[in-house]
């Protein structure tokens, strides 16, 4: 598997990280089909991540982490997804959120500092929960129906959050809510063992079933005043580089599908042929097409990640590049998995092979933010503005 990363690994630290992610990928892959059947994120996988100290990799070293760069983050997530895409996407949200808190200097605030310390010592899990039944994706700008009322030095939170990845195993959630008294939206830190918090196991989807993205239900959850952790003005306004964990995950799935398809082609020889199908011209064309697509998408993703790391002054102007990476990678991943299915033929539909799961899981990437239409509109507007500046 390391062969797939040689082009993108440039030093011993990166090599060790990919190696570590590969070892973890092998362990969590054993639980993958069970998680898919149960549509949940397993406690067994949580233990694997905790034992390997994986959950603290993006926090600063001063808190017990490794302070990964964006480039390093993508390397481990892509490699992890080759073993289990849903598990990689899930833990990517946790690691990405911690990276955002670190890079936006929010991690020094009392509650977040406490969270980082606990991640470093106890490997706790956190995720944001923003989507709701009525608002859909928060990137579309809907006002949350979840409310936070201030009473006697506490906030009382009520509402329902959808698509809460790893809901049944999270220790903490950071949720957005509308505050009627202030007529604004804020973010609140919710320990999931608090009274009034429950998980409604609603996750029953075609793909990415192992993320366990159930509904998080909050019924008059009483939290301290200082658990109001982010106000509207605190929210990072610029591009979010850490969201590249999404395309890294789906490219990892596509890489696994490609390698399995090649292995299948090398070993499958129908009695109508004198050689395995890997020697057949149209199969080789499909393999070459997969390789070309993966090279293009991966080079694009890692080049943007490197620019993010090495030229921080340019980050405010990288929104379109980040969005373009996501759109390119997720669509490419779907195309690659489709080619892998065509190589496997009818056998690719069988549960005895991994292809049908790759096919189901990779579809979900099209529905992760940012959406294709938003990216294309952004690129179009920038292109028009550039042209107008020349006139």
Protein backbone atom coordinates (compact mmCIF):
# COMPACT_ATOMS: atom_id res chain seq x y z
CA UNK A 1 0.00 0.00 0.00
CA UNK A 2 2.90 2.36 0.68
CA UNK A 3 3.71 2.26 -3.05
CA UNK A 4 0.59 4.37 -3.64
CA UNK A 5 2.01 7.11 -1.41
CA UNK A 6 5.66 7.26 -2.49
CA UNK A 7 5.03 10.18 -4.83
CA UNK A 8 3.45 12.19 -2.03
CA UNK A 9 5.64 11.24 0.96
CA UNK A 10 8.68 13.53 1.28
CA UNK A 11 10.27 12.81 4.66
CA UNK A 12 10.61 10.25 7.45
CA UNK A 13 7.86 11.80 9.58
CA UNK A 14 5.35 11.55 6.74
CA UNK A 15 6.45 7.99 6.02
CA UNK A 16 5.95 7.03 9.66
CA UNK A 17 2.52 8.65 9.75
CA UNK A 18 1.35 6.80 6.64
CA UNK A 19 2.73 3.58 8.07
CA UNK A 20 0.84 4.17 11.32
CA UNK A 21 -2.38 4.95 9.44
CA UNK A 22 -1.92 1.78 7.41
CA UNK A 23 -1.60 -0.36 10.52
CA UNK A 24 -4.74 1.20 11.98
CA UNK A 25 -6.56 0.77 8.65
CA UNK A 26 -5.85 -2.94 8.78
CA UNK A 27 -7.27 -3.20 12.29
CA UNK A 28 -10.47 -1.23 11.68
CA UNK A 29 -11.17 -2.96 8.36
CA UNK A 30 -12.05 -6.11 10.32
CA UNK A 31 -15.08 -4.31 11.75
CA UNK A 32 -16.11 -2.59 8.51
CA UNK A 33 -18.82 -4.99 7.28
CA UNK A 34 -20.35 -5.32 10.75
CA UNK A 35 -20.56 -1.54 11.09
CA UNK A 36 -22.10 -1.36 7.63
CA UNK A 37 -24.77 -3.90 8.58
CA UNK A 38 -25.53 -2.25 11.91
CA UNK A 39 -25.35 1.31 10.52
CA UNK A 40 -23.32 2.49 13.47
CA UNK A 41 -19.83 3.53 14.52
CA UNK A 42 -18.40 0.74 16.64
CA UNK A 43 -16.93 1.04 20.12
CA UNK A 44 -14.27 -1.41 18.94
CA UNK A 45 -13.00 1.15 16.45
CA UNK A 46 -13.01 3.85 19.11
CA UNK A 47 -10.74 1.67 21.22
CA UNK A 48 -8.39 1.13 18.28
CA UNK A 49 -8.09 4.88 17.69
CA UNK A 50 -7.61 5.55 21.39
CA UNK A 51 -4.98 2.85 21.85
CA UNK A 52 -3.03 4.21 18.88
CA UNK A 53 -3.30 7.82 20.16
CA UNK A 54 -4.84 8.71 16.80
CA UNK A 55 -7.46 11.09 18.19
CA UNK A 56 -4.88 13.64 19.38
CA UNK A 57 -2.74 13.90 16.24
CA UNK A 58 -3.93 17.39 15.20
CA UNK A 59 -3.73 19.12 18.58
CA UNK A 60 -0.53 20.96 19.56
CA UNK A 61 2.33 19.01 21.12
CA UNK A 62 1.87 21.05 24.30
CA UNK A 63 -1.47 19.27 24.76
CA UNK A 64 -0.13 15.82 23.98
CA UNK A 65 -0.67 15.82 20.22
CA UNK A 66 1.50 15.89 17.13
CA UNK A 67 0.37 19.22 15.65
CA UNK A 68 -0.09 17.74 12.17
CA UNK A 69 0.06 20.02 9.15
CA UNK A 70 -2.81 19.90 6.68
CA UNK A 71 -0.66 17.91 4.25
CA UNK A 72 0.13 15.32 6.91
CA UNK A 73 -3.52 15.17 7.95
CA UNK A 74 -4.58 14.33 4.41
CA UNK A 75 -1.91 11.64 4.06
CA UNK A 76 -3.13 9.71 7.10
CA UNK A 77 -6.80 10.16 6.28
CA UNK A 78 -6.42 8.98 2.70
CA UNK A 79 -4.48 5.93 3.87
CA UNK A 80 -6.98 5.22 6.65
CA UNK A 81 -9.88 5.36 4.18
CA UNK A 82 -8.32 2.57 2.16
CA UNK A 83 -9.13 0.30 5.10
CA UNK A 84 -12.52 1.74 6.07
CA UNK A 85 -13.96 4.82 4.40
CA UNK A 86 -16.77 5.48 6.90
CA UNK A 87 -14.42 5.23 9.89
CA UNK A 88 -11.94 7.56 8.20
CA UNK A 89 -14.57 10.15 7.34
CA UNK A 90 -15.91 10.00 10.89
CA UNK A 91 -12.64 10.46 12.70
CA UNK A 92 -11.69 13.09 10.13
CA UNK A 93 -14.41 15.38 11.48
CA UNK A 94 -13.03 15.03 15.01
CA UNK A 95 -9.42 15.67 13.95
CA UNK A 96 -10.41 18.47 11.58
CA UNK A 97 -12.41 20.34 14.20
CA UNK A 98 -9.47 20.20 16.60
CA UNK A 99 -7.20 21.46 13.82
CA UNK A 100 -9.57 24.38 13.22
CA UNK A 101 -9.66 25.27 16.91
CA UNK A 102 -5.86 25.15 16.93
CA UNK A 103 -5.32 27.22 13.79
CA UNK A 104 -7.94 29.83 14.71
CA UNK A 105 -6.45 30.20 18.22
CA UNK A 106 -9.78 29.20 19.78
CA UNK A 107 -8.07 26.32 21.56
CA UNK A 108 -6.73 28.66 24.24
CA UNK A 109 -10.24 29.52 25.46
CA UNK A 110 -11.01 27.82 28.80
CA UNK A 111 -13.53 25.22 27.60
CA UNK A 112 -11.63 24.38 24.44
CA UNK A 113 -8.37 24.26 26.37
CA UNK A 114 -10.01 21.78 28.73
CA UNK A 115 -11.23 19.78 25.71
CA UNK A 116 -7.75 19.70 24.14
CA UNK A 117 -6.20 18.56 27.41
CA UNK A 118 -8.77 15.79 27.71
CA UNK A 119 -8.18 14.70 24.11
CA UNK A 120 -4.46 14.52 24.84
CA UNK A 121 -4.81 12.54 28.05
CA UNK A 122 -7.96 10.46 27.52
CA UNK A 123 -8.51 10.44 23.73
CA UNK A 124 -12.10 11.72 23.97
CA UNK A 125 -14.23 12.24 20.85
CA UNK A 126 -15.88 15.48 19.75
CA UNK A 127 -17.87 16.57 16.71
CA UNK A 128 -19.88 19.57 15.62
CA UNK A 129 -23.62 19.10 15.06
CA UNK A 130 -25.21 21.73 12.86
CA UNK A 131 -27.57 20.09 10.33
CA UNK A 132 -31.27 19.95 11.14
CA UNK A 133 -34.37 18.43 9.50
CA UNK A 134 -35.74 21.81 8.42
CA UNK A 135 -32.51 23.62 7.54
CA UNK A 136 -30.56 20.92 5.72
CA UNK A 137 -26.88 21.65 5.32
CA UNK A 138 -25.69 24.65 7.40
CA UNK A 139 -23.66 25.78 4.38
CA UNK A 140 -26.97 26.84 2.78
CA UNK A 141 -27.50 29.46 5.50
CA UNK A 142 -30.63 28.22 7.26
CA UNK A 143 -31.32 29.46 10.80
CA UNK A 144 -31.28 26.55 13.28
CA UNK A 145 -34.55 25.64 14.99
CA UNK A 146 -32.57 24.46 18.01
CA UNK A 147 -32.92 27.15 20.69
CA UNK A 148 -30.85 28.28 23.65
CA UNK A 149 -32.66 30.23 26.39
CA UNK A 150 -30.72 31.90 29.19
CA UNK A 151 -32.17 31.24 32.64
CA UNK A 152 -30.59 31.80 36.08
CA UNK A 153 -26.98 31.64 34.96
CA UNK A 154 -27.49 28.65 32.61
CA UNK A 155 -28.51 28.01 29.02
CA UNK A 156 -31.38 25.62 28.32
CA UNK A 157 -30.90 23.91 24.95
CA UNK A 158 -33.64 22.13 23.00
CA UNK A 159 -33.63 20.81 19.46
CA UNK A 160 -32.73 18.01 17.08
CA UNK A 161 -29.55 17.68 15.03
CA UNK A 162 -29.33 15.36 12.03
CA UNK A 163 -26.24 13.76 10.44
CA UNK A 164 -24.39 13.73 13.77
CA UNK A 165 -21.48 11.49 12.83
CA UNK A 166 -20.40 9.03 15.55
CA UNK A 167 -23.37 10.17 17.66
CA UNK A 168 -23.55 7.01 19.76
CA UNK A 169 -19.87 7.13 20.80
CA UNK A 170 -19.17 10.87 21.10
CA UNK A 171 -18.13 12.36 24.41
CA UNK A 172 -18.89 15.95 23.40
CA UNK A 173 -20.74 17.87 20.72
CA UNK A 174 -20.45 21.51 19.69
CA UNK A 175 -23.88 22.55 18.47
CA UNK A 176 -25.32 25.72 16.99
CA UNK A 177 -28.54 27.20 18.33
CA UNK A 178 -30.64 30.32 17.95
CA UNK A 179 -30.70 32.58 21.01
CA UNK A 180 -34.04 34.46 20.99
CA UNK A 181 -32.97 36.96 23.68
CA UNK A 182 -30.00 38.08 21.57
CA UNK A 183 -31.54 37.40 18.16
CA UNK A 184 -28.37 35.62 17.07
CA UNK A 185 -26.87 32.20 16.48
CA UNK A 186 -24.24 30.82 18.84
CA UNK A 187 -22.27 27.62 19.38
CA UNK A 188 -22.55 25.62 22.59
CA UNK A 189 -20.41 22.91 24.17
CA UNK A 190 -22.52 19.89 25.14
CA UNK A 191 -21.22 16.94 27.19
CA UNK A 192 -23.30 14.04 25.89
CA UNK A 193 -23.71 12.44 29.30
CA UNK A 194 -25.82 15.42 30.46
CA UNK A 195 -29.45 14.93 31.33
CA UNK A 196 -31.76 15.54 28.37
CA UNK A 197 -29.30 14.38 25.72
CA UNK A 198 -30.18 11.27 23.76
CA UNK A 199 -29.32 9.67 20.44
CA UNK A 200 -32.16 8.71 18.12
CA UNK A 201 -30.80 5.94 15.87
CA UNK A 202 -32.22 7.18 12.58
CA UNK A 203 -29.22 6.47 10.33
CA UNK A 204 -30.37 4.11 7.58
CA UNK A 205 -28.67 5.09 4.35
CA UNK A 206 -27.34 3.55 1.17
CA UNK A 207 -23.68 4.33 1.88
CA UNK A 208 -21.36 5.49 4.67
CA UNK A 209 -23.52 3.49 7.05
CA UNK A 210 -20.61 2.89 9.40
CA UNK A 211 -20.43 6.59 10.30
CA UNK A 212 -23.44 6.13 12.57
CA UNK A 213 -24.66 9.64 11.76
CA UNK A 214 -27.80 9.47 13.88
CA UNK A 215 -29.95 12.31 15.20
CA UNK A 216 -28.81 14.05 18.36
CA UNK A 217 -31.84 15.04 20.44
CA UNK A 218 -31.59 17.78 23.07
CA UNK A 219 -34.49 18.14 25.49
CA UNK A 220 -34.09 21.03 27.93
CA UNK A 221 -30.39 20.36 28.36
CA UNK A 222 -29.04 22.64 31.08
CA UNK A 223 -25.46 23.82 30.59
CA UNK A 224 -23.28 26.42 32.35
CA UNK A 225 -23.16 29.94 30.93
CA UNK A 226 -19.52 29.58 29.92
CA UNK A 227 -20.42 26.64 27.66
CA UNK A 228 -21.56 29.27 25.19
CA UNK A 229 -18.21 28.90 23.41
CA UNK A 230 -18.48 30.72 20.09
CA UNK A 231 -20.41 33.83 19.21
CA UNK A 232 -21.23 34.91 15.71
CA UNK A 233 -18.17 37.15 15.49
CA UNK A 234 -15.92 34.30 16.68
CA UNK A 235 -16.67 32.08 13.71
CA UNK A 236 -13.73 31.79 11.30
CA UNK A 237 -14.56 33.84 8.23
CA UNK A 238 -11.94 32.50 5.84
CA UNK A 239 -11.48 29.20 4.01
CA UNK A 240 -11.42 25.97 6.01
CA UNK A 241 -8.44 23.97 4.83
CA UNK A 242 -9.19 21.10 7.21
CA UNK A 243 -12.30 20.25 5.19
CA UNK A 244 -9.96 18.66 2.65
CA UNK A 245 -10.21 15.58 4.87
CA UNK A 246 -13.42 14.92 2.90
CA UNK A 247 -11.80 14.56 -0.54
CA UNK A 248 -8.88 12.68 1.05
CA UNK A 249 -11.32 10.11 2.40
CA UNK A 250 -13.10 9.53 -0.89
CA UNK A 251 -9.85 9.32 -2.83
CA UNK A 252 -8.74 6.71 -0.30
CA UNK A 253 -11.85 4.67 -1.06
CA UNK A 254 -11.18 5.02 -4.78
CA UNK A 255 -7.56 3.94 -4.30
CA UNK A 256 -8.69 0.81 -2.49
CA UNK A 257 -11.26 0.05 -5.19
CA UNK A 258 -8.66 0.52 -7.92
CA UNK A 259 -6.14 -1.77 -6.25
CA UNK A 260 -8.75 -4.45 -5.59
CA UNK A 261 -9.94 -4.24 -9.19
CA UNK A 262 -6.41 -4.69 -10.51
CA UNK A 263 -5.88 -7.64 -8.18
CA UNK A 264 -9.17 -9.13 -9.37
CA UNK A 265 -8.15 -8.68 -13.01
CA UNK A 266 -4.79 -10.35 -12.41
CA UNK A 267 -6.43 -13.42 -10.90
CA UNK A 268 -9.63 -13.84 -12.89
CA UNK A 269 -9.36 -15.97 -16.01
CA UNK A 270 -12.59 -17.23 -17.60
CA UNK A 271 -12.29 -20.42 -19.62
CA UNK A 272 -12.85 -18.40 -22.80
CA UNK A 273 -9.41 -16.82 -22.39
CA UNK A 274 -5.85 -18.09 -22.29
CA UNK A 275 -4.78 -15.29 -19.93
CA UNK A 276 -6.20 -13.39 -16.94
CA UNK A 277 -8.43 -10.48 -17.92
CA UNK A 278 -5.65 -8.06 -16.91
CA UNK A 279 -4.14 -8.86 -20.34
CA UNK A 280 -7.29 -7.85 -22.20
CA UNK A 281 -7.07 -4.48 -23.95
CA UNK A 282 -10.31 -2.92 -22.74
CA UNK A 283 -9.53 -3.95 -19.14
CA UNK A 284 -6.10 -2.33 -19.41
CA UNK A 285 -7.74 0.82 -20.74
CA UNK A 286 -10.00 0.92 -17.70
CA UNK A 287 -7.03 0.39 -15.37
CA UNK A 288 -5.12 3.14 -17.14
CA UNK A 289 -8.13 5.43 -16.89
CA UNK A 290 -8.36 4.79 -13.13
CA UNK A 291 -4.66 5.55 -12.69
CA UNK A 292 -4.87 8.77 -14.71
CA UNK A 293 -7.88 10.05 -12.80
CA UNK A 294 -6.33 9.26 -9.42
CA UNK A 295 -3.02 10.90 -10.31
CA UNK A 296 -4.75 14.08 -11.45
CA UNK A 297 -7.01 14.38 -8.41
CA UNK A 298 -4.35 13.45 -5.84
CA UNK A 299 -1.73 15.82 -7.25
CA UNK A 300 -4.31 18.60 -7.22
CA UNK A 301 -5.32 17.92 -3.63
CA UNK A 302 -1.81 17.65 -2.24
CA UNK A 303 -0.57 20.71 -4.13
CA UNK A 304 -3.32 22.84 -2.59
CA UNK A 305 -2.59 21.37 0.85
CA UNK A 306 1.08 22.20 0.46
CA UNK A 307 0.24 25.75 -0.55
CA UNK A 308 -2.00 26.04 2.54
CA UNK A 309 0.85 24.91 4.80
CA UNK A 310 3.74 26.73 3.16
CA UNK A 311 2.08 30.02 2.19
CA UNK A 312 -0.30 30.89 5.05
CA UNK A 313 -0.54 34.48 3.85
CA UNK A 314 -2.39 33.20 0.78
CA UNK A 315 -5.00 31.21 2.71
CA UNK A 316 -7.73 33.88 2.42
CA UNK A 317 -7.62 33.51 -1.37
CA UNK A 318 -7.79 29.70 -1.44
CA UNK A 319 -11.56 29.23 -1.10
CA UNK A 320 -12.10 28.39 -4.75
CA UNK A 321 -9.12 26.03 -4.85
CA UNK A 322 -10.30 24.17 -1.76
CA UNK A 323 -13.80 23.84 -3.18
CA UNK A 324 -12.46 22.75 -6.54
CA UNK A 325 -10.38 20.03 -4.88
CA UNK A 326 -13.45 18.65 -3.13
CA UNK A 327 -15.57 18.68 -6.29
CA UNK A 328 -12.79 17.18 -8.41
CA UNK A 329 -11.87 14.50 -5.87
CA UNK A 330 -15.36 13.28 -5.04
CA UNK A 331 -16.47 13.13 -8.66
CA UNK A 332 -13.21 11.45 -9.64
CA UNK A 333 -13.62 8.93 -6.83
CA UNK A 334 -17.07 8.02 -8.12
CA UNK A 335 -15.71 7.60 -11.65
CA UNK A 336 -12.85 5.40 -10.44
CA UNK A 337 -15.10 3.15 -8.38
CA UNK A 338 -17.46 2.84 -11.33
CA UNK A 339 -14.54 1.69 -13.50
CA UNK A 340 -13.53 -0.81 -10.80
CA UNK A 341 -17.08 -2.17 -10.84
CA UNK A 342 -16.93 -2.52 -14.62
CA UNK A 343 -13.68 -4.48 -14.35
CA UNK A 344 -15.21 -6.82 -11.77
CA UNK A 345 -18.36 -7.17 -13.85
CA UNK A 346 -21.38 -8.86 -12.30
CA UNK A 347 -19.25 -10.15 -9.45
CA UNK A 348 -18.81 -6.58 -8.32
CA UNK A 349 -22.43 -6.57 -7.18
CA UNK A 350 -21.88 -9.49 -4.85
CA UNK A 351 -21.48 -9.02 -1.10
CA UNK A 352 -18.61 -11.51 -1.37
CA UNK A 353 -16.50 -8.74 -2.91
CA UNK A 354 -15.77 -5.24 -1.55
CA UNK A 355 -16.74 -3.39 -4.72
CA UNK A 356 -20.43 -2.87 -3.97
CA UNK A 357 -19.56 -1.29 -0.61
CA UNK A 358 -17.02 1.02 -2.23
CA UNK A 359 -19.72 1.94 -4.73
CA UNK A 360 -22.25 2.75 -2.02
CA UNK A 361 -19.84 4.61 0.25
CA UNK A 362 -18.25 6.76 -2.42
CA UNK A 363 -21.63 8.15 -3.51
CA UNK A 364 -21.93 10.01 -0.21
CA UNK A 365 -19.04 12.30 -1.13
CA UNK A 366 -21.27 14.12 -3.58
CA UNK A 367 -23.42 15.25 -0.66
CA UNK A 368 -20.67 16.47 1.66
CA UNK A 369 -19.93 20.21 1.67
CA UNK A 370 -19.23 22.20 -0.35
CA UNK A 371 -21.75 21.08 -2.95
CA UNK A 372 -20.81 21.02 -6.63
CA UNK A 373 -23.23 23.79 -7.60
CA UNK A 374 -21.81 26.17 -4.99
CA UNK A 375 -18.24 25.47 -6.10
CA UNK A 376 -19.03 25.94 -9.79
CA UNK A 377 -20.91 29.18 -9.09
CA UNK A 378 -17.95 30.48 -7.07
CA UNK A 379 -15.51 29.57 -9.84
CA UNK A 380 -17.75 31.19 -12.45
CA UNK A 381 -18.05 34.45 -10.51
CA UNK A 382 -14.29 34.63 -10.02
CA UNK A 383 -13.70 34.00 -13.71
CA UNK A 384 -16.18 36.72 -14.68
CA UNK A 385 -14.60 39.17 -12.22
CA UNK A 386 -11.16 38.46 -13.66
CA UNK A 387 -12.44 39.10 -17.14
CA UNK A 388 -14.19 42.30 -16.07
CA UNK A 389 -10.96 43.59 -14.55
CA UNK A 390 -9.31 43.26 -17.96
CA UNK A 391 -12.02 45.24 -19.78
